[in-house]
Amino acid sequence: KDTYLAQDAVQETYIHALRNIRKINDPSLFIA
């Protein structure tokens, strides 16, 4: 319920995803 915090959350989410992309065993489950 805060656009600035939401932007921070998105940034943290994608940083985490980029750092850990190799850990996905089933690539088709990326969305989940």
All heavy atoms as atom14 arrays in JSON, in Angstrom:
{
  "sequence": "KDTYLAQDAVQETYIHALRNIRKINDPSLFIA",
  "atom14_mask": [
    [1, 1, 1, 1, 1, 1, 1, 1, 1, 0, 0, 0, 0, 0],
    [1, 1, 1, 1, 1, 1, 1, 1, 0, 0, 0, 0, 0, 0],
    [1, 1, 1, 1, 1, 1, 1, 0, 0, 0, 0, 0, 0, 0],
    [1, 1, 1, 1, 1, 1, 1, 1, 1, 1, 1, 1, 0, 0],
    [1, 1, 1, 1, 1, 1, 1, 1, 0, 0, 0, 0, 0, 0],
    [1, 1, 1, 1, 1, 0, 0, 0, 0, 0, 0, 0, 0, 0],
    [1, 1, 1, 1, 1, 1, 1, 1, 1, 0, 0, 0, 0, 0],
    [1, 1, 1, 1, 1, 1, 1, 1, 0, 0, 0, 0, 0, 0],
    [1, 1, 1, 1, 1, 0, 0, 0, 0, 0, 0, 0, 0, 0],
    [1, 1, 1, 1, 1, 1, 1, 0, 0, 0, 0, 0, 0, 0],
    [1, 1, 1, 1, 1, 1, 1, 1, 1, 0, 0, 0, 0, 0],
    [1, 1, 1, 1, 1, 1, 1, 1, 1, 0, 0, 0, 0, 0],
    [1, 1, 1, 1, 1, 1, 1, 0, 0, 0, 0, 0, 0, 0],
    [1, 1, 1, 1, 1, 1, 1, 1, 1, 1, 1, 1, 0, 0],
    [1, 1, 1, 1, 1, 1, 1, 1, 0, 0, 0, 0, 0, 0],
    [1, 1, 1, 1, 1, 1, 1, 1, 1, 1, 0, 0, 0, 0],
    [1, 1, 1, 1, 1, 0, 0, 0, 0, 0, 0, 0, 0, 0],
    [1, 1, 1, 1, 1, 1, 1, 1, 0, 0, 0, 0, 0, 0],
    [1, 1, 1, 1, 1, 1, 1, 1, 1, 1, 1, 0, 0, 0],
    [1, 1, 1, 1, 1, 1, 1, 1, 0, 0, 0, 0, 0, 0],
    [1, 1, 1, 1, 1, 1, 1, 1, 0, 0, 0, 0, 0, 0],
    [1, 1, 1, 1, 1, 1, 1, 1, 1, 1, 1, 0, 0, 0],
    [1, 1, 1, 1, 1, 1, 1, 1, 1, 0, 0, 0, 0, 0],
    [1, 1, 1, 1, 1, 1, 1, 1, 0, 0, 0, 0, 0, 0],
    [1, 1, 1, 1, 1, 1, 1, 1, 0, 0, 0, 0, 0, 0],
    [1, 1, 1, 1, 1, 1, 1, 1, 0, 0, 0, 0, 0, 0],
    [1, 1, 1, 1, 1, 1, 1, 0, 0, 0, 0, 0, 0, 0],
    [1, 1, 1, 1, 1, 1, 0, 0, 0, 0, 0, 0, 0, 0],
    [1, 1, 1, 1, 1, 1, 1, 1, 0, 0, 0, 0, 0, 0],
    [1, 1, 1, 1, 1, 1, 1, 1, 1, 1, 1, 0, 0, 0],
    [1, 1, 1, 1, 1, 1, 1, 1, 0, 0, 0, 0, 0, 0],
    [1, 1, 1, 1, 1, 0, 0, 0, 0, 0, 0, 0, 0, 0]
  ],
  "atom14_positions": [
    [[0.82, -1.22, 0.0], [0.0, 0.0, 0.0], [0.85, 1.27, 0.0], [0.52, 2.25, 0.63], [-0.96, 0.0, 1.19], [-1.94, -1.14, 1.14], [-2.89, -1.11, 2.31], [-3.81, -2.3, 2.21], [-4.78, -2.34, 3.27], [0.0, 0.0, 0.0], [0.0, 0.0, 0.0], [0.0, 0.0, 0.0], [0.0, 0.0, 0.0], [0.0, 0.0, 0.0]],
    [[1.97, 1.21, -0.71], [2.88, 2.35, -0.8], [3.68, 2.17, -2.09], [4.41, 1.18, -2.24], [3.81, 2.38, 0.42], [4.77, 3.54, 0.42], [5.5, 3.71, -0.59], [4.83, 4.26, 1.42], [0.0, 0.0, 0.0], [0.0, 0.0, 0.0], [0.0, 0.0, 0.0], [0.0, 0.0, 0.0], [0.0, 0.0, 0.0], [0.0, 0.0, 0.0]],
    [[3.59, 3.13, -2.99], [4.25, 2.98, -4.29], [5.77, 2.96, -4.17], [6.43, 2.24, -4.91], [3.82, 4.09, -5.27], [4.11, 5.36, -4.69], [2.34, 4.0, -5.59], [0.0, 0.0, 0.0], [0.0, 0.0, 0.0], [0.0, 0.0, 0.0], [0.0, 0.0, 0.0], [0.0, 0.0, 0.0], [0.0, 0.0, 0.0], [0.0, 0.0, 0.0]],
    [[6.32, 3.74, -3.25], [7.77, 3.76, -3.1], [8.29, 2.44, -2.53], [9.3, 1.9, -3.0], [8.22, 4.93, -2.21], [7.9, 6.26, -2.84], [6.93, 7.09, -2.29], [8.55, 6.68, -3.99], [6.63, 8.31, -2.88], [8.26, 7.9, -4.58], [7.29, 8.71, -4.02], [6.99, 9.91, -4.61], [0.0, 0.0, 0.0], [0.0, 0.0, 0.0]],
    [[7.57, 1.92, -1.53], [7.97, 0.61, -1.0], [7.78, -0.48, -2.04], [8.58, -1.42, -2.11], [7.16, 0.29, 0.26], [7.49, 1.09, 1.52], [6.56, 0.71, 2.66], [8.94, 0.88, 1.92], [0.0, 0.0, 0.0], [0.0, 0.0, 0.0], [0.0, 0.0, 0.0], [0.0, 0.0, 0.0], [0.0, 0.0, 0.0], [0.0, 0.0, 0.0]],
    [[6.74, -0.35, -2.86], [6.5, -1.34, -3.91], [7.65, -1.34, -4.91], [8.11, -2.39, -5.35], [5.18, -1.07, -4.62], [0.0, 0.0, 0.0], [0.0, 0.0, 0.0], [0.0, 0.0, 0.0], [0.0, 0.0, 0.0], [0.0, 0.0, 0.0], [0.0, 0.0, 0.0], [0.0, 0.0, 0.0], [0.0, 0.0, 0.0], [0.0, 0.0, 0.0]],
    [[8.14, -0.16, -5.26], [9.28, -0.07, -6.17], [10.52, -0.72, -5.55], [11.26, -1.44, -6.23], [9.56, 1.39, -6.53], [8.49, 1.99, -7.4], [8.59, 3.51, -7.52], [9.46, 4.14, -6.92], [7.7, 4.09, -8.29], [0.0, 0.0, 0.0], [0.0, 0.0, 0.0], [0.0, 0.0, 0.0], [0.0, 0.0, 0.0], [0.0, 0.0, 0.0]],
    [[10.73, -0.47, -4.26], [11.84, -1.12, -3.56], [11.69, -2.64, -3.57], [12.66, -3.37, -3.8], [11.93, -0.64, -2.11], [12.39, 0.8, -1.99], [12.9, 1.37, -2.98], [12.22, 1.37, -0.89], [0.0, 0.0, 0.0], [0.0, 0.0, 0.0], [0.0, 0.0, 0.0], [0.0, 0.0, 0.0], [0.0, 0.0, 0.0], [0.0, 0.0, 0.0]],
    [[10.47, -3.1, -3.33], [10.21, -4.55, -3.3], [10.47, -5.17, -4.67], [11.06, -6.26, -4.76], [8.78, -4.82, -2.85], [0.0, 0.0, 0.0], [0.0, 0.0, 0.0], [0.0, 0.0, 0.0], [0.0, 0.0, 0.0], [0.0, 0.0, 0.0], [0.0, 0.0, 0.0], [0.0, 0.0, 0.0], [0.0, 0.0, 0.0], [0.0, 0.0, 0.0]],
    [[10.05, -4.49, -5.72], [10.27, -5.01, -7.08], [11.77, -5.11, -7.35], [12.26, -6.12, -7.85], [9.56, -4.13, -8.13], [10.01, -4.49, -9.53], [8.05, -4.27, -8.0], [0.0, 0.0, 0.0], [0.0, 0.0, 0.0], [0.0, 0.0, 0.0], [0.0, 0.0, 0.0], [0.0, 0.0, 0.0], [0.0, 0.0, 0.0], [0.0, 0.0, 0.0]],
    [[12.48, -4.07, -6.98], [13.92, -4.07, -7.19], [14.59, -5.22, -6.44], [15.39, -5.97, -7.01], [14.51, -2.73, -6.75], [16.0, -2.61, -7.01], [16.54, -1.25, -6.62], [15.84, -0.4, -6.08], [17.81, -1.04, -6.88], [0.0, 0.0, 0.0], [0.0, 0.0, 0.0], [0.0, 0.0, 0.0], [0.0, 0.0, 0.0], [0.0, 0.0, 0.0]],
    [[14.23, -5.39, -5.16], [14.8, -6.48, -4.37], [14.42, -7.84, -4.94], [15.23, -8.78, -4.95], [14.35, -6.37, -2.92], [15.01, -5.25, -2.15], [14.59, -5.2, -0.7], [14.49, -6.28, -0.07], [14.37, -4.09, -0.2], [0.0, 0.0, 0.0], [0.0, 0.0, 0.0], [0.0, 0.0, 0.0], [0.0, 0.0, 0.0], [0.0, 0.0, 0.0]],
    [[13.19, -7.96, -5.41], [12.72, -9.22, -5.99], [13.55, -9.62, -7.19], [14.02, -10.76, -7.3], [11.23, -9.11, -6.38], [10.46, -8.87, -5.21], [10.73, -10.37, -7.08], [0.0, 0.0, 0.0], [0.0, 0.0, 0.0], [0.0, 0.0, 0.0], [0.0, 0.0, 0.0], [0.0, 0.0, 0.0], [0.0, 0.0, 0.0], [0.0, 0.0, 0.0]],
    [[13.76, -8.68, -8.1], [14.51, -9.02, -9.31], [16.01, -9.17, -9.06], [16.66, -9.97, -9.74], [14.22, -8.01, -10.43], [12.87, -8.27, -11.04], [11.77, -7.49, -10.7], [12.67, -9.34, -11.9], [10.52, -7.75, -11.23], [11.42, -9.62, -12.44], [10.34, -8.82, -12.1], [9.1, -9.09, -12.62], [0.0, 0.0, 0.0], [0.0, 0.0, 0.0]],
    [[16.55, -8.47, -8.1], [17.95, -8.68, -7.73], [18.12, -10.1, -7.21], [19.04, -10.84, -7.61], [18.43, -7.64, -6.69], [18.57, -6.27, -7.36], [19.74, -8.08, -6.04], [18.8, -5.13, -6.38], [0.0, 0.0, 0.0], [0.0, 0.0, 0.0], [0.0, 0.0, 0.0], [0.0, 0.0, 0.0], [0.0, 0.0, 0.0], [0.0, 0.0, 0.0]],
    [[17.21, -10.5, -6.31], [17.25, -11.87, -5.77], [17.08, -12.89, -6.9], [17.8, -13.91, -6.95], [16.17, -12.05, -4.71], [16.18, -13.4, -4.08], [17.0, -13.73, -3.03], [15.48, -14.53, -4.37], [16.8, -14.99, -2.7], [15.88, -15.5, -3.5], [0.0, 0.0, 0.0], [0.0, 0.0, 0.0], [0.0, 0.0, 0.0], [0.0, 0.0, 0.0]],
    [[16.15, -12.62, -7.8], [15.9, -13.55, -8.91], [17.14, -13.68, -9.8], [17.52, -14.79, -10.19], [14.7, -13.09, -9.72], [0.0, 0.0, 0.0], [0.0, 0.0, 0.0], [0.0, 0.0, 0.0], [0.0, 0.0, 0.0], [0.0, 0.0, 0.0], [0.0, 0.0, 0.0], [0.0, 0.0, 0.0], [0.0, 0.0, 0.0], [0.0, 0.0, 0.0]],
    [[17.77, -12.57, -10.12], [18.96, -12.59, -10.97], [20.09, -13.37, -10.31], [20.75, -14.19, -10.95], [19.41, -11.16, -11.29], [20.64, -11.03, -12.19], [20.39, -11.69, -13.54], [21.0, -9.56, -12.37], [0.0, 0.0, 0.0], [0.0, 0.0, 0.0], [0.0, 0.0, 0.0], [0.0, 0.0, 0.0], [0.0, 0.0, 0.0], [0.0, 0.0, 0.0]],
    [[20.28, -13.14, -9.02], [21.36, -13.83, -8.31], [21.12, -15.34, -8.19], [22.05, -16.11, -8.04], [21.52, -13.25, -6.91], [22.15, -11.89, -6.91], [22.31, -11.37, -5.51], [22.93, -10.05, -5.53], [22.82, -9.17, -4.57], [22.13, -9.45, -3.47], [23.42, -8.0, -4.66], [0.0, 0.0, 0.0], [0.0, 0.0, 0.0], [0.0, 0.0, 0.0]],
    [[19.85, -15.73, -8.19], [19.52, -17.13, -7.92], [18.88, -17.86, -9.09], [18.34, -18.95, -8.91], [18.61, -17.2, -6.69], [19.32, -16.74, -5.45], [20.17, -17.43, -4.92], [19.0, -15.54, -4.99], [0.0, 0.0, 0.0], [0.0, 0.0, 0.0], [0.0, 0.0, 0.0], [0.0, 0.0, 0.0], [0.0, 0.0, 0.0], [0.0, 0.0, 0.0]],
    [[18.92, -17.29, -10.27], [18.23, -17.87, -11.44], [18.71, -19.29, -11.73], [17.94, -20.13, -12.18], [18.38, -16.96, -12.68], [17.44, -17.41, -13.81], [19.81, -16.93, -13.2], [16.09, -16.82, -13.73], [0.0, 0.0, 0.0], [0.0, 0.0, 0.0], [0.0, 0.0, 0.0], [0.0, 0.0, 0.0], [0.0, 0.0, 0.0], [0.0, 0.0, 0.0]],
    [[19.96, -19.57, -11.43], [20.5, -20.92, -11.71], [19.93, -21.99, -10.78], [20.1, -23.17, -11.02], [22.02, -20.9, -11.63], [22.64, -20.16, -12.8], [24.16, -20.26, -12.8], [24.69, -19.66, -14.01], [25.06, -18.39, -14.1], [24.97, -17.59, -13.06], [25.54, -17.92, -15.24], [0.0, 0.0, 0.0], [0.0, 0.0, 0.0], [0.0, 0.0, 0.0]],
    [[19.27, -21.57, -9.71], [18.72, -22.52, -8.73], [17.36, -23.08, -9.14], [16.84, -23.97, -8.48], [18.61, -21.86, -7.36], [19.95, -21.53, -6.75], [19.81, -20.91, -5.39], [21.17, -20.56, -4.8], [21.05, -19.93, -3.49], [0.0, 0.0, 0.0], [0.0, 0.0, 0.0], [0.0, 0.0, 0.0], [0.0, 0.0, 0.0], [0.0, 0.0, 0.0]],
    [[16.77, -22.54, -10.2], [15.46, -23.04, -10.65], [15.66, -24.38, -11.35], [16.33, -24.46, -12.37], [14.77, -22.06, -11.62], [14.56, -20.71, -10.96], [13.44, -22.64, -12.1], [13.99, -19.67, -11.9], [0.0, 0.0, 0.0], [0.0, 0.0, 0.0], [0.0, 0.0, 0.0], [0.0, 0.0, 0.0], [0.0, 0.0, 0.0], [0.0, 0.0, 0.0]],
    [[15.06, -25.42, -10.78], [15.18, -26.75, -11.38], [14.25, -26.92, -12.57], [14.59, -27.58, -13.55], [14.89, -27.84, -10.35], [15.96, -27.88, -9.26], [17.12, -27.6, -9.51], [15.55, -28.2, -8.05], [0.0, 0.0, 0.0], [0.0, 0.0, 0.0], [0.0, 0.0, 0.0], [0.0, 0.0, 0.0], [0.0, 0.0, 0.0], [0.0, 0.0, 0.0]],
    [[13.05, -26.37, -12.48], [12.08, -26.47, -13.57], [11.82, -25.06, -14.09], [11.03, -24.31, -13.5], [10.78, -27.11, -13.08], [9.77, -27.34, -14.19], [9.97, -26.83, -15.32], [8.77, -28.04, -13.93], [0.0, 0.0, 0.0], [0.0, 0.0, 0.0], [0.0, 0.0, 0.0], [0.0, 0.0, 0.0], [0.0, 0.0, 0.0], [0.0, 0.0, 0.0]],
    [[12.48, -24.67, -15.19], [12.36, -23.3, -15.7], [10.93, -22.87, -16.03], [10.63, -21.69, -16.0], [13.22, -23.32, -16.97], [14.22, -24.41, -16.73], [13.46, -25.45, -15.94], [0.0, 0.0, 0.0], [0.0, 0.0, 0.0], [0.0, 0.0, 0.0], [0.0, 0.0, 0.0], [0.0, 0.0, 0.0], [0.0, 0.0, 0.0], [0.0, 0.0, 0.0]],
    [[10.05, -23.82, -16.31], [8.66, -23.44, -16.63], [7.92, -22.93, -15.4], [6.83, -22.37, -15.52], [7.92, -24.62, -17.26], [7.75, -25.66, -16.31], [0.0, 0.0, 0.0], [0.0, 0.0, 0.0], [0.0, 0.0, 0.0], [0.0, 0.0, 0.0], [0.0, 0.0, 0.0], [0.0, 0.0, 0.0], [0.0, 0.0, 0.0], [0.0, 0.0, 0.0]],
    [[8.5, -23.09, -14.21], [7.87, -22.62, -12.97], [8.4, -21.25, -12.53], [8.22, -20.86, -11.39], [8.08, -23.65, -11.86], [7.45, -25.01, -12.08], [7.78, -25.96, -10.94], [5.95, -24.89, -12.25], [0.0, 0.0, 0.0], [0.0, 0.0, 0.0], [0.0, 0.0, 0.0], [0.0, 0.0, 0.0], [0.0, 0.0, 0.0], [0.0, 0.0, 0.0]],
    [[9.01, -20.52, -13.44], [9.58, -19.21, -13.12], [8.54, -18.27, -12.51], [8.83, -17.56, -11.55], [10.19, -18.57, -14.38], [10.72, -17.18, -14.13], [11.96, -17.0, -13.54], [9.98, -16.07, -14.48], [12.46, -15.73, -13.3], [10.46, -14.79, -14.23], [11.71, -14.61, -13.65], [0.0, 0.0, 0.0], [0.0, 0.0, 0.0], [0.0, 0.0, 0.0]],
    [[7.33, -18.25, -13.05], [6.3, -17.32, -12.56], [5.98, -17.61, -11.1], [5.93, -16.69, -10.27], [5.01, -17.41, -13.42], [5.31, -17.06, -14.88], [3.91, -16.53, -12.85], [5.86, -15.66, -15.09], [0.0, 0.0, 0.0], [0.0, 0.0, 0.0], [0.0, 0.0, 0.0], [0.0, 0.0, 0.0], [0.0, 0.0, 0.0], [0.0, 0.0, 0.0]],
    [[5.78, -18.87, -10.75], [5.51, -19.22, -9.35], [6.7, -18.85, -8.47], [6.54, -18.35, -7.36], [5.2, -20.71, -9.23], [0.0, 0.0, 0.0], [0.0, 0.0, 0.0], [0.0, 0.0, 0.0], [0.0, 0.0, 0.0], [0.0, 0.0, 0.0], [0.0, 0.0, 0.0], [0.0, 0.0, 0.0], [0.0, 0.0, 0.0], [0.0, 0.0, 0.0]]
  ]
}
